[in-house]
Amino acid sequence: MTKLYSIGEVLIDFIPQQKGAALKDVVSFERAPGGAPANVAAAVAKYGHGAAMITKLGEDAFGDFLIEQLGSAGVETDKILRTREANTGLAFVSLKENGERDFSFYRKPSADLLFDEEEVKAHWFSKGDVLHFCSVDLVESPMKQAHKKAIQLMKEAGGLVSFDPNVRLPLWEKAEDCRAAILEFLPLAHIVKISDEELEFITGISHADEAIQSLFTGEVQAVVYTKGADGADLFVKDAKWQSSGYKVEVQDTTGAGDAFIGGFLFKLLEANVTPDNLVEVLTQKQSEILQFANASGALTTAGKGAISALPEKNEVYSLINNQPKALN
């Protein structure tokens, strides 16, 4: 069976128990497992496909908790290493009244940044597998080099590479450093998922369609442009498909984009996608893929946290069947 491999950060999100307060004014928090690559792996696993996490955690109670939570979600944890050289990463979140959030991160460095390229093994990957990564762990570190090694080995095995920049500027010394790292890795991916909030920052282009076309560089074959509650657009070099979102009562938007791309990659894995047939699969199945991804993202906003708020697969299909949306 093919498998999703996520590489990057796994951390604890401390979610406030009240909305509308600045982070400095929050009195109490609820602990939740998080980290964008981990959220994506958990979504794919929860929907019934194999998923594994590649990272490093501290030998601490938070690391123990994350191993347990990922295992409970069905994610394989045997490629998560442990270290005493750094602690597990933490993120404190402040929720606005509309469910949007601000972050404060604790990692200088966190254990995930110490994962070394020599710890990535070629025998992990096979044809038809998918490697997914984000930009948070692309700061100068051993983990950045581990990403390059994993991407190389996945391609040599005949697998697909997916990149969600997932911009988090507070983690970077300078915004330009973040942008430069994203532009360095973007041509290495077959699929790029980008949000409406990130597009101009990454490309430097204000017109959306022109900016999206500029992302077709290197090995990029498909761009998924997410627009929050308004759905998502899917682009290949010679075609574009639009989709609408689903209406739910929003509690917390943390992890919504991860649940979206998790649902998207789950459907691709289900279709036995490879770099050679990616465009063909997307052309034939774009409607059902986008519906599933949009419903997955929407339902995650109805709960708190990311992994803990992921819906069951039958809940995703129930939303699709009961609230159908037109796809153009």
C-alpha atoms as a PDB file:
ATOM      1  CA  MET A   1       0.000   0.000   0.000  1.00  0.00           C
ATOM      2  CA  THR A   2       1.269   3.464  -0.846  1.00  0.00           C
ATOM      3  CA  LYS A   3       1.854   5.923   1.943  1.00  0.00           C
ATOM      4  CA  LEU A   4       2.036   9.606   2.813  1.00  0.00           C
ATOM      5  CA  TYR A   5       5.250  10.727   4.498  1.00  0.00           C
ATOM      6  CA  SER A   6       5.168  14.105   6.243  1.00  0.00           C
ATOM      7  CA  ILE A   7       8.448  15.699   7.272  1.00  0.00           C
ATOM      8  CA  GLY A   8       8.831  18.661   9.612  1.00  0.00           C
ATOM      9  CA  GLU A   9       7.537  19.998  12.869  1.00  0.00           C
ATOM     10  CA  VAL A  10       5.339  18.273  15.417  1.00  0.00           C
ATOM     11  CA  LEU A  11       4.545  20.486  18.368  1.00  0.00           C
ATOM     12  CA  ILE A  12       2.081  21.361  21.094  1.00  0.00           C
ATOM     13  CA  ASP A  13      -0.508  24.024  20.310  1.00  0.00           C
ATOM     14  CA  PHE A  14      -1.756  25.764  23.443  1.00  0.00           C
ATOM     15  CA  ILE A  15      -5.252  26.919  22.436  1.00  0.00           C
ATOM     16  CA  PRO A  16      -6.878  29.672  24.565  1.00  0.00           C
ATOM     17  CA  GLN A  17     -10.102  28.795  26.320  1.00  0.00           C
ATOM     18  CA  GLN A  18     -11.550  32.190  25.422  1.00  0.00           C
ATOM     19  CA  LYS A  19     -11.792  34.093  22.147  1.00  0.00           C
ATOM     20  CA  GLY A  20     -11.192  37.764  21.521  1.00  0.00           C
ATOM     21  CA  ALA A  21      -8.274  38.243  23.931  1.00  0.00           C
ATOM     22  CA  ALA A  22      -4.737  39.244  23.033  1.00  0.00           C
ATOM     23  CA  LEU A  23      -2.183  36.561  23.830  1.00  0.00           C
ATOM     24  CA  LYS A  24      -0.842  38.563  26.782  1.00  0.00           C
ATOM     25  CA  ASP A  25      -4.345  38.603  28.291  1.00  0.00           C
ATOM     26  CA  VAL A  26      -5.204  34.911  27.892  1.00  0.00           C
ATOM     27  CA  VAL A  27      -5.630  33.275  31.301  1.00  0.00           C
ATOM     28  CA  SER A  28      -5.934  29.578  30.432  1.00  0.00           C
ATOM     29  CA  PHE A  29      -5.010  27.311  27.545  1.00  0.00           C
ATOM     30  CA  GLU A  30      -5.965  23.840  26.343  1.00  0.00           C
ATOM     31  CA  ARG A  31      -3.171  21.572  25.119  1.00  0.00           C
ATOM     32  CA  ALA A  32      -3.553  20.141  21.604  1.00  0.00           C
ATOM     33  CA  PRO A  33      -1.204  18.254  19.265  1.00  0.00           C
ATOM     34  CA  GLY A  34      -0.169  20.277  16.226  1.00  0.00           C
ATOM     35  CA  GLY A  35       2.393  21.142  13.586  1.00  0.00           C
ATOM     36  CA  ALA A  36       1.212  21.438   9.980  1.00  0.00           C
ATOM     37  CA  PRO A  37       2.984  18.349   8.557  1.00  0.00           C
ATOM     38  CA  ALA A  38       1.696  16.263  11.459  1.00  0.00           C
ATOM     39  CA  ASN A  39      -1.833  17.554  10.937  1.00  0.00           C
ATOM     40  CA  VAL A  40      -1.698  16.476   7.278  1.00  0.00           C
ATOM     41  CA  ALA A  41      -0.396  13.016   8.184  1.00  0.00           C
ATOM     42  CA  ALA A  42      -3.157  12.630  10.777  1.00  0.00           C
ATOM     43  CA  ALA A  43      -5.827  13.600   8.243  1.00  0.00           C
ATOM     44  CA  VAL A  44      -4.610  11.080   5.675  1.00  0.00           C
ATOM     45  CA  ALA A  45      -4.390   8.353   8.333  1.00  0.00           C
ATOM     46  CA  LYS A  46      -7.813   9.151   9.749  1.00  0.00           C
ATOM     47  CA  TYR A  47      -9.353   8.885   6.277  1.00  0.00           C
ATOM     48  CA  GLY A  48      -7.927   5.389   5.941  1.00  0.00           C
ATOM     49  CA  HIS A  49      -4.608   5.594   4.092  1.00  0.00           C
ATOM     50  CA  GLY A  50      -1.119   4.858   5.385  1.00  0.00           C
ATOM     51  CA  ALA A  51       0.736   7.877   6.795  1.00  0.00           C
ATOM     52  CA  ALA A  52       4.053   8.286   8.597  1.00  0.00           C
ATOM     53  CA  MET A  53       5.754  11.230  10.315  1.00  0.00           C
ATOM     54  CA  ILE A  54       9.453  12.011   9.899  1.00  0.00           C
ATOM     55  CA  THR A  55      10.767  14.282  12.659  1.00  0.00           C
ATOM     56  CA  LYS A  56      12.505  14.496  16.010  1.00  0.00           C
ATOM     57  CA  LEU A  57      11.007  15.210  19.432  1.00  0.00           C
ATOM     58  CA  GLY A  58      12.506  15.967  22.805  1.00  0.00           C
ATOM     59  CA  GLU A  59      12.775  13.273  25.431  1.00  0.00           C
ATOM     60  CA  ASP A  60      10.144  15.050  27.474  1.00  0.00           C
ATOM     61  CA  ALA A  61       6.501  14.715  28.468  1.00  0.00           C
ATOM     62  CA  PHE A  62       5.304  16.788  25.521  1.00  0.00           C
ATOM     63  CA  GLY A  63       7.141  14.456  23.140  1.00  0.00           C
ATOM     64  CA  ASP A  64       5.519  11.453  24.821  1.00  0.00           C
ATOM     65  CA  PHE A  65       2.112  13.105  24.435  1.00  0.00           C
ATOM     66  CA  LEU A  66       2.632  13.782  20.721  1.00  0.00           C
ATOM     67  CA  ILE A  67       3.754  10.223  20.019  1.00  0.00           C
ATOM     68  CA  GLU A  68       0.600   8.957  21.732  1.00  0.00           C
ATOM     69  CA  GLN A  69      -1.682  11.378  19.880  1.00  0.00           C
ATOM     70  CA  LEU A  70      -0.237  10.644  16.450  1.00  0.00           C
ATOM     71  CA  GLY A  71      -0.393   6.922  17.123  1.00  0.00           C
ATOM     72  CA  SER A  72      -4.029   7.244  18.185  1.00  0.00           C
ATOM     73  CA  ALA A  73      -4.757   9.043  14.900  1.00  0.00           C
ATOM     74  CA  GLY A  74      -3.242   6.116  12.988  1.00  0.00           C
ATOM     75  CA  VAL A  75       0.028   7.816  12.017  1.00  0.00           C
ATOM     76  CA  GLU A  76       3.135   5.610  12.007  1.00  0.00           C
ATOM     77  CA  THR A  77       5.611   7.001  14.547  1.00  0.00           C
ATOM     78  CA  ASP A  78       8.625   4.724  14.081  1.00  0.00           C
ATOM     79  CA  LYS A  79      10.419   7.438  12.081  1.00  0.00           C
ATOM     80  CA  ILE A  80      10.074   9.962  14.900  1.00  0.00           C
ATOM     81  CA  LEU A  81      13.405  10.110  16.706  1.00  0.00           C
ATOM     82  CA  ARG A  82      14.019  11.463  20.214  1.00  0.00           C
ATOM     83  CA  THR A  83      16.764  13.693  21.608  1.00  0.00           C
ATOM     84  CA  ARG A  84      17.916  15.242  24.871  1.00  0.00           C
ATOM     85  CA  GLU A  85      19.671  18.094  23.074  1.00  0.00           C
ATOM     86  CA  ALA A  86      16.499  20.190  22.707  1.00  0.00           C
ATOM     87  CA  ASN A  87      12.901  20.258  23.882  1.00  0.00           C
ATOM     88  CA  THR A  88       9.725  19.565  21.933  1.00  0.00           C
ATOM     89  CA  GLY A  89       8.427  22.730  20.229  1.00  0.00           C
ATOM     90  CA  LEU A  90       5.532  24.730  21.671  1.00  0.00           C
ATOM     91  CA  ALA A  91       3.138  27.232  20.072  1.00  0.00           C
ATOM     92  CA  PHE A  92       0.792  29.491  22.035  1.00  0.00           C
ATOM     93  CA  VAL A  93      -2.250  30.585  20.031  1.00  0.00           C
ATOM     94  CA  SER A  94      -4.524  33.586  20.495  1.00  0.00           C
ATOM     95  CA  LEU A  95      -7.991  33.283  18.929  1.00  0.00           C
ATOM     96  CA  LYS A  96      -9.879  36.305  17.595  1.00  0.00           C
ATOM     97  CA  GLU A  97     -13.681  36.406  17.746  1.00  0.00           C
ATOM     98  CA  ASN A  98     -13.922  35.128  14.141  1.00  0.00           C
ATOM     99  CA  GLY A  99     -11.731  32.091  14.903  1.00  0.00           C
ATOM    100  CA  GLU A 100      -8.594  33.494  13.229  1.00  0.00           C
ATOM    101  CA  ARG A 101      -5.410  33.187  15.239  1.00  0.00           C
ATOM    102  CA  ASP A 102      -2.038  34.626  16.183  1.00  0.00           C
ATOM    103  CA  PHE A 103       0.968  32.504  17.207  1.00  0.00           C
ATOM    104  CA  SER A 104       3.870  32.758  19.634  1.00  0.00           C
ATOM    105  CA  PHE A 105       6.456  29.986  19.171  1.00  0.00           C
ATOM    106  CA  TYR A 106       8.982  28.529  21.615  1.00  0.00           C
ATOM    107  CA  ARG A 107      11.887  26.859  19.783  1.00  0.00           C
ATOM    108  CA  LYS A 108      15.509  28.032  19.856  1.00  0.00           C
ATOM    109  CA  PRO A 109      15.935  25.384  18.625  1.00  0.00           C
ATOM    110  CA  SER A 110      13.233  22.798  19.143  1.00  0.00           C
ATOM    111  CA  ALA A 111      14.034  19.124  18.739  1.00  0.00           C
ATOM    112  CA  ASP A 112      12.579  18.861  15.213  1.00  0.00           C
ATOM    113  CA  LEU A 113      15.254  21.213  13.836  1.00  0.00           C
ATOM    114  CA  LEU A 114      17.957  18.734  14.906  1.00  0.00           C
ATOM    115  CA  PHE A 115      16.762  15.955  12.583  1.00  0.00           C
ATOM    116  CA  ASP A 116      19.770  15.227  10.364  1.00  0.00           C
ATOM    117  CA  GLU A 117      19.916  14.268   6.683  1.00  0.00           C
ATOM    118  CA  GLU A 118      21.844  11.089   7.569  1.00  0.00           C
ATOM    119  CA  GLU A 119      18.776   9.955   9.504  1.00  0.00           C
ATOM    120  CA  VAL A 120      16.641   9.888   6.314  1.00  0.00           C
ATOM    121  CA  LYS A 121      16.714   6.397   4.763  1.00  0.00           C
ATOM    122  CA  ALA A 122      16.180   5.503   1.092  1.00  0.00           C
ATOM    123  CA  HIS A 123      14.339   2.253   1.839  1.00  0.00           C
ATOM    124  CA  TRP A 124      11.452   4.149   3.417  1.00  0.00           C
ATOM    125  CA  PHE A 125      10.078   5.362   0.080  1.00  0.00           C
ATOM    126  CA  SER A 126       8.394   3.552  -2.827  1.00  0.00           C
ATOM    127  CA  LYS A 127       6.721   4.412  -6.119  1.00  0.00           C
ATOM    128  CA  GLY A 128       3.294   5.913  -5.528  1.00  0.00           C
ATOM    129  CA  ASP A 129       4.190   7.350  -2.120  1.00  0.00           C
ATOM    130  CA  VAL A 130       3.794  11.066  -1.397  1.00  0.00           C
ATOM    131  CA  LEU A 131       6.164  13.286   0.579  1.00  0.00           C
ATOM    132  CA  HIS A 132       4.597  16.407   2.093  1.00  0.00           C
ATOM    133  CA  PHE A 133       6.422  19.320   3.711  1.00  0.00           C
ATOM    134  CA  CYS A 134       5.943  22.956   4.771  1.00  0.00           C
ATOM    135  CA  SER A 135       8.234  25.961   5.302  1.00  0.00           C
ATOM    136  CA  VAL A 136       8.384  26.223   9.110  1.00  0.00           C
ATOM    137  CA  ASP A 137      11.318  23.792   9.332  1.00  0.00           C
ATOM    138  CA  LEU A 138      13.218  25.263   6.371  1.00  0.00           C
ATOM    139  CA  VAL A 139      15.197  27.643   8.595  1.00  0.00           C
ATOM    140  CA  GLU A 140      18.951  27.041   8.449  1.00  0.00           C
ATOM    141  CA  SER A 141      19.282  23.818  10.417  1.00  0.00           C
ATOM    142  CA  PRO A 142      20.014  20.101  10.016  1.00  0.00           C
ATOM    143  CA  MET A 143      16.292  19.629   9.334  1.00  0.00           C
ATOM    144  CA  LYS A 144      16.461  21.832   6.232  1.00  0.00           C
ATOM    145  CA  GLN A 145      19.107  19.524   4.767  1.00  0.00           C
ATOM    146  CA  ALA A 146      17.019  16.506   5.792  1.00  0.00           C
ATOM    147  CA  HIS A 147      14.174  17.908   3.691  1.00  0.00           C
ATOM    148  CA  LYS A 148      16.433  18.067   0.638  1.00  0.00           C
ATOM    149  CA  LYS A 149      17.556  14.487   1.188  1.00  0.00           C
ATOM    150  CA  ALA A 150      13.994  13.213   1.642  1.00  0.00           C
ATOM    151  CA  ILE A 151      12.795  15.018  -1.505  1.00  0.00           C
ATOM    152  CA  GLN A 152      15.665  13.549  -3.531  1.00  0.00           C
ATOM    153  CA  LEU A 153      15.061  10.022  -2.260  1.00  0.00           C
ATOM    154  CA  MET A 154      11.295  10.208  -2.792  1.00  0.00           C
ATOM    155  CA  LYS A 155      11.794  11.290  -6.398  1.00  0.00           C
ATOM    156  CA  GLU A 156      14.360   8.544  -6.996  1.00  0.00           C
ATOM    157  CA  ALA A 157      11.766   6.055  -5.715  1.00  0.00           C
ATOM    158  CA  GLY A 158       9.131   7.370  -8.151  1.00  0.00           C
ATOM    159  CA  GLY A 159       7.048   9.184  -5.563  1.00  0.00           C
ATOM    160  CA  LEU A 160       5.271  12.529  -5.552  1.00  0.00           C
ATOM    161  CA  VAL A 161       6.319  15.662  -3.619  1.00  0.00           C
ATOM    162  CA  SER A 162       3.806  18.118  -2.128  1.00  0.00           C
ATOM    163  CA  PHE A 163       4.678  21.544  -0.645  1.00  0.00           C
ATOM    164  CA  ASP A 164       2.473  23.838   1.445  1.00  0.00           C
ATOM    165  CA  PRO A 165       4.521  26.948   2.327  1.00  0.00           C
ATOM    166  CA  ASN A 166       2.289  27.593   5.374  1.00  0.00           C
ATOM    167  CA  VAL A 167       3.985  30.927   6.078  1.00  0.00           C
ATOM    168  CA  ARG A 168       4.703  31.667   9.764  1.00  0.00           C
ATOM    169  CA  LEU A 169       6.740  34.880   9.782  1.00  0.00           C
ATOM    170  CA  PRO A 170       7.245  35.058  13.600  1.00  0.00           C
ATOM    171  CA  LEU A 171       9.583  32.044  13.250  1.00  0.00           C
ATOM    172  CA  TRP A 172      11.980  33.885  10.956  1.00  0.00           C
ATOM    173  CA  GLU A 173      14.581  36.561  11.668  1.00  0.00           C
ATOM    174  CA  LYS A 174      13.489  38.400   8.507  1.00  0.00           C
ATOM    175  CA  ALA A 175      10.475  37.983   6.241  1.00  0.00           C
ATOM    176  CA  GLU A 176      12.784  37.860   3.235  1.00  0.00           C
ATOM    177  CA  ASP A 177      14.556  34.805   4.690  1.00  0.00           C
ATOM    178  CA  CYS A 178      11.228  32.978   4.781  1.00  0.00           C
ATOM    179  CA  ARG A 179      10.406  33.993   1.225  1.00  0.00           C
ATOM    180  CA  ALA A 180      13.858  32.965  -0.017  1.00  0.00           C
ATOM    181  CA  ALA A 181      13.554  29.500   1.568  1.00  0.00           C
ATOM    182  CA  ILE A 182      10.119  28.978   0.018  1.00  0.00           C
ATOM    183  CA  LEU A 183      11.373  30.012  -3.427  1.00  0.00           C
ATOM    184  CA  GLU A 184      14.359  27.681  -3.022  1.00  0.00           C
ATOM    185  CA  PHE A 185      12.162  24.642  -2.347  1.00  0.00           C
ATOM    186  CA  LEU A 186       9.148  25.458  -4.499  1.00  0.00           C
ATOM    187  CA  PRO A 187      10.649  24.196  -7.812  1.00  0.00           C
ATOM    188  CA  LEU A 188      11.374  20.832  -6.149  1.00  0.00           C
ATOM    189  CA  ALA A 189       7.674  20.036  -5.591  1.00  0.00           C
ATOM    190  CA  HIS A 190       5.145  18.481  -7.973  1.00  0.00           C
ATOM    191  CA  ILE A 191       2.177  19.992  -6.083  1.00  0.00           C
ATOM    192  CA  VAL A 192       2.123  23.416  -4.423  1.00  0.00           C
ATOM    193  CA  LYS A 193      -0.707  24.419  -2.086  1.00  0.00           C
ATOM    194  CA  ILE A 194      -0.857  28.157  -1.407  1.00  0.00           C
ATOM    195  CA  SER A 195      -3.394  30.375   0.360  1.00  0.00           C
ATOM    196  CA  ASP A 196      -4.808  33.700  -0.769  1.00  0.00           C
ATOM    197  CA  GLU A 197      -3.030  35.339   2.186  1.00  0.00           C
ATOM    198  CA  GLU A 198       0.369  34.008   1.078  1.00  0.00           C
ATOM    199  CA  LEU A 199       0.318  34.379  -2.689  1.00  0.00           C
ATOM    200  CA  GLU A 200       1.504  37.977  -3.119  1.00  0.00           C
ATOM    201  CA  PHE A 201       4.082  37.679  -0.332  1.00  0.00           C
ATOM    202  CA  ILE A 202       5.686  34.639  -1.955  1.00  0.00           C
ATOM    203  CA  THR A 203       5.498  35.711  -5.602  1.00  0.00           C
ATOM    204  CA  GLY A 204       5.740  39.503  -5.338  1.00  0.00           C
ATOM    205  CA  ILE A 205       2.865  39.695  -7.866  1.00  0.00           C
ATOM    206  CA  SER A 206      -0.453  41.343  -6.956  1.00  0.00           C
ATOM    207  CA  HIS A 207      -2.618  39.879  -9.750  1.00  0.00           C
ATOM    208  CA  ALA A 208      -3.696  36.416  -8.553  1.00  0.00           C
ATOM    209  CA  ASP A 209      -3.782  34.502 -11.850  1.00  0.00           C
ATOM    210  CA  GLU A 210      -0.441  35.936 -12.943  1.00  0.00           C
ATOM    211  CA  ALA A 211       1.061  35.128  -9.536  1.00  0.00           C
ATOM    212  CA  ILE A 212      -0.197  31.551  -9.707  1.00  0.00           C
ATOM    213  CA  GLN A 213       1.232  31.020 -13.176  1.00  0.00           C
ATOM    214  CA  SER A 214       4.627  32.155 -11.858  1.00  0.00           C
ATOM    215  CA  LEU A 215       4.573  29.180  -9.479  1.00  0.00           C
ATOM    216  CA  PHE A 216       4.856  26.747 -12.396  1.00  0.00           C
ATOM    217  CA  THR A 217       8.610  26.538 -12.150  1.00  0.00           C
ATOM    218  CA  GLY A 218      10.937  23.570 -11.949  1.00  0.00           C
ATOM    219  CA  GLU A 219       8.927  20.374 -11.458  1.00  0.00           C
ATOM    220  CA  VAL A 220       5.646  21.979 -10.352  1.00  0.00           C
ATOM    221  CA  GLN A 221       2.712  20.353 -12.172  1.00  0.00           C
ATOM    222  CA  ALA A 222      -0.243  21.546 -10.073  1.00  0.00           C
ATOM    223  CA  VAL A 223      -1.072  24.537  -7.861  1.00  0.00           C
ATOM    224  CA  VAL A 224      -3.898  24.459  -5.324  1.00  0.00           C
ATOM    225  CA  TYR A 225      -5.000  27.992  -4.401  1.00  0.00           C
ATOM    226  CA  THR A 226      -7.076  28.023  -1.212  1.00  0.00           C
ATOM    227  CA  LYS A 227      -9.452  30.873  -0.336  1.00  0.00           C
ATOM    228  CA  GLY A 228     -10.689  29.902   3.125  1.00  0.00           C
ATOM    229  CA  ALA A 229     -14.463  29.727   3.332  1.00  0.00           C
ATOM    230  CA  ASP A 230     -14.693  30.602  -0.366  1.00  0.00           C
ATOM    231  CA  GLY A 231     -13.250  27.257  -1.479  1.00  0.00           C
ATOM    232  CA  ALA A 232     -10.228  26.626  -3.674  1.00  0.00           C
ATOM    233  CA  ASP A 233      -9.014  26.786  -7.261  1.00  0.00           C
ATOM    234  CA  LEU A 234      -6.929  24.054  -8.844  1.00  0.00           C
ATOM    235  CA  PHE A 235      -4.471  24.863 -11.621  1.00  0.00           C
ATOM    236  CA  VAL A 236      -2.412  22.737 -13.971  1.00  0.00           C
ATOM    237  CA  LYS A 237      -0.403  24.435 -16.689  1.00  0.00           C
ATOM    238  CA  ASP A 238      -3.212  24.407 -19.237  1.00  0.00           C
ATOM    239  CA  ALA A 239      -6.382  24.284 -17.136  1.00  0.00           C
ATOM    240  CA  LYS A 240      -8.130  25.748 -14.090  1.00  0.00           C
ATOM    241  CA  TRP A 241     -10.996  24.420 -11.961  1.00  0.00           C
ATOM    242  CA  GLN A 242     -12.871  26.366  -9.273  1.00  0.00           C
ATOM    243  CA  SER A 243     -14.693  25.034  -6.246  1.00  0.00           C
ATOM    244  CA  SER A 244     -16.855  26.462  -3.470  1.00  0.00           C
ATOM    245  CA  GLY A 245     -16.445  26.019   0.265  1.00  0.00           C
ATOM    246  CA  TYR A 246     -18.876  24.556   2.785  1.00  0.00           C
ATOM    247  CA  LYS A 247     -20.666  26.524   5.485  1.00  0.00           C
ATOM    248  CA  VAL A 248     -20.096  25.445   9.081  1.00  0.00           C
ATOM    249  CA  GLU A 249     -20.094  27.236  12.435  1.00  0.00           C
ATOM    250  CA  VAL A 250     -16.453  28.193  12.916  1.00  0.00           C
ATOM    251  CA  GLN A 251     -14.823  27.627  16.309  1.00  0.00           C
ATOM    252  CA  ASP A 252     -11.121  27.631  15.443  1.00  0.00           C
ATOM    253  CA  THR A 253      -9.412  27.886  12.044  1.00  0.00           C
ATOM    254  CA  THR A 254      -6.216  26.208  13.297  1.00  0.00           C
ATOM    255  CA  GLY A 255      -5.383  23.300  11.013  1.00  0.00           C
ATOM    256  CA  ALA A 256      -8.073  24.012   8.406  1.00  0.00           C
ATOM    257  CA  GLY A 257      -5.563  24.364   5.578  1.00  0.00           C
ATOM    258  CA  ASP A 258      -3.793  21.215   6.753  1.00  0.00           C
ATOM    259  CA  ALA A 259      -7.059  19.285   6.785  1.00  0.00           C
ATOM    260  CA  PHE A 260      -7.752  20.593   3.275  1.00  0.00           C
ATOM    261  CA  ILE A 261      -4.448  19.412   1.828  1.00  0.00           C
ATOM    262  CA  GLY A 262      -4.680  16.215   3.875  1.00  0.00           C
ATOM    263  CA  GLY A 263      -8.017  15.474   2.220  1.00  0.00           C
ATOM    264  CA  PHE A 264      -6.602  16.439  -1.173  1.00  0.00           C
ATOM    265  CA  LEU A 265      -3.579  14.134  -0.833  1.00  0.00           C
ATOM    266  CA  PHE A 266      -5.745  11.323   0.554  1.00  0.00           C
ATOM    267  CA  LYS A 267      -7.821  11.362  -2.624  1.00  0.00           C
ATOM    268  CA  LEU A 268      -4.663  11.366  -4.753  1.00  0.00           C
ATOM    269  CA  LEU A 269      -3.239   8.397  -2.869  1.00  0.00           C
ATOM    270  CA  GLU A 270      -6.581   6.647  -3.269  1.00  0.00           C
ATOM    271  CA  ALA A 271      -6.221   7.204  -7.050  1.00  0.00           C
ATOM    272  CA  ASN A 272      -2.682   5.723  -7.120  1.00  0.00           C
ATOM    273  CA  VAL A 273      -1.114   8.977  -8.255  1.00  0.00           C
ATOM    274  CA  THR A 274       2.484   9.267  -9.474  1.00  0.00           C
ATOM    275  CA  PRO A 275       4.443  12.139 -11.040  1.00  0.00           C
ATOM    276  CA  ASP A 276       3.699  10.590 -14.431  1.00  0.00           C
ATOM    277  CA  ASN A 277      -0.102  10.506 -14.099  1.00  0.00           C
ATOM    278  CA  LEU A 278      -0.718  13.463 -11.750  1.00  0.00           C
ATOM    279  CA  VAL A 279      -2.189  15.848 -14.322  1.00  0.00           C
ATOM    280  CA  GLU A 280      -4.335  13.084 -15.823  1.00  0.00           C
ATOM    281  CA  VAL A 281      -5.738  12.109 -12.405  1.00  0.00           C
ATOM    282  CA  LEU A 282      -6.463  15.735 -11.496  1.00  0.00           C
ATOM    283  CA  THR A 283      -8.175  16.343 -14.835  1.00  0.00           C
ATOM    284  CA  GLN A 284     -10.414  13.294 -14.441  1.00  0.00           C
ATOM    285  CA  LYS A 285     -11.158  13.542 -10.709  1.00  0.00           C
ATOM    286  CA  GLN A 286     -10.823  17.250  -9.846  1.00  0.00           C
ATOM    287  CA  SER A 287     -14.475  17.602  -8.814  1.00  0.00           C
ATOM    288  CA  GLU A 288     -14.508  14.847  -6.184  1.00  0.00           C
ATOM    289  CA  ILE A 289     -10.973  15.701  -4.988  1.00  0.00           C
ATOM    290  CA  LEU A 290     -11.815  19.369  -4.394  1.00  0.00           C
ATOM    291  CA  GLN A 291     -15.160  18.568  -2.769  1.00  0.00           C
ATOM    292  CA  PHE A 292     -13.517  16.186  -0.327  1.00  0.00           C
ATOM    293  CA  ALA A 293     -10.682  18.619   0.452  1.00  0.00           C
ATOM    294  CA  ASN A 294     -13.042  21.563   0.990  1.00  0.00           C
ATOM    295  CA  ALA A 295     -15.341  19.572   3.263  1.00  0.00           C
ATOM    296  CA  SER A 296     -12.372  18.228   5.225  1.00  0.00           C
ATOM    297  CA  GLY A 297     -11.050  21.745   5.825  1.00  0.00           C
ATOM    298  CA  ALA A 298     -14.458  23.180   6.715  1.00  0.00           C
ATOM    299  CA  LEU A 299     -15.351  20.524   9.272  1.00  0.00           C
ATOM    300  CA  THR A 300     -12.017  20.965  11.050  1.00  0.00           C
ATOM    301  CA  THR A 301     -12.904  24.604  11.817  1.00  0.00           C
ATOM    302  CA  ALA A 302     -15.972  23.431  13.752  1.00  0.00           C
ATOM    303  CA  GLY A 303     -13.762  22.073  16.559  1.00  0.00           C
ATOM    304  CA  LYS A 304     -10.754  23.295  18.534  1.00  0.00           C
ATOM    305  CA  GLY A 305      -7.190  22.471  17.614  1.00  0.00           C
ATOM    306  CA  ALA A 306      -6.061  20.634  14.512  1.00  0.00           C
ATOM    307  CA  ILE A 307      -5.585  16.869  14.912  1.00  0.00           C
ATOM    308  CA  SER A 308      -8.205  16.748  17.643  1.00  0.00           C
ATOM    309  CA  ALA A 309     -10.754  18.474  15.373  1.00  0.00           C
ATOM    310  CA  LEU A 310     -10.271  16.295  12.275  1.00  0.00           C
ATOM    311  CA  PRO A 311     -13.563  14.789  11.086  1.00  0.00           C
ATOM    312  CA  GLU A 312     -14.244  11.162  10.274  1.00  0.00           C
ATOM    313  CA  LYS A 313     -14.379  10.237   6.578  1.00  0.00           C
ATOM    314  CA  ASN A 314     -18.117   9.528   6.765  1.00  0.00           C
ATOM    315  CA  GLU A 315     -18.659  13.032   8.199  1.00  0.00           C
ATOM    316  CA  VAL A 316     -16.854  14.527   5.207  1.00  0.00           C
ATOM    317  CA  TYR A 317     -19.063  12.634   2.760  1.00  0.00           C
ATOM    318  CA  SER A 318     -22.154  13.525   4.771  1.00  0.00           C
ATOM    319  CA  LEU A 319     -21.361  17.239   4.443  1.00  0.00           C
ATOM    320  CA  ILE A 320     -20.731  16.841   0.701  1.00  0.00           C
ATOM    321  CA  ASN A 321     -23.980  14.962   0.146  1.00  0.00           C
ATOM    322  CA  ASN A 322     -26.111  17.249   2.277  1.00  0.00           C
ATOM    323  CA  GLN A 323     -24.588  20.558   1.196  1.00  0.00           C
ATOM    324  CA  PRO A 324     -23.560  20.085  -2.448  1.00  0.00           C
ATOM    325  CA  LYS A 325     -21.536  22.850  -4.041  1.00  0.00           C
ATOM    326  CA  ALA A 326     -21.166  23.648  -7.731  1.00  0.00           C
ATOM    327  CA  LEU A 327     -17.772  23.093  -9.301  1.00  0.00           C
ATOM    328  CA  ASN A 328     -16.845  24.951 -12.483  1.00  0.00           C
END
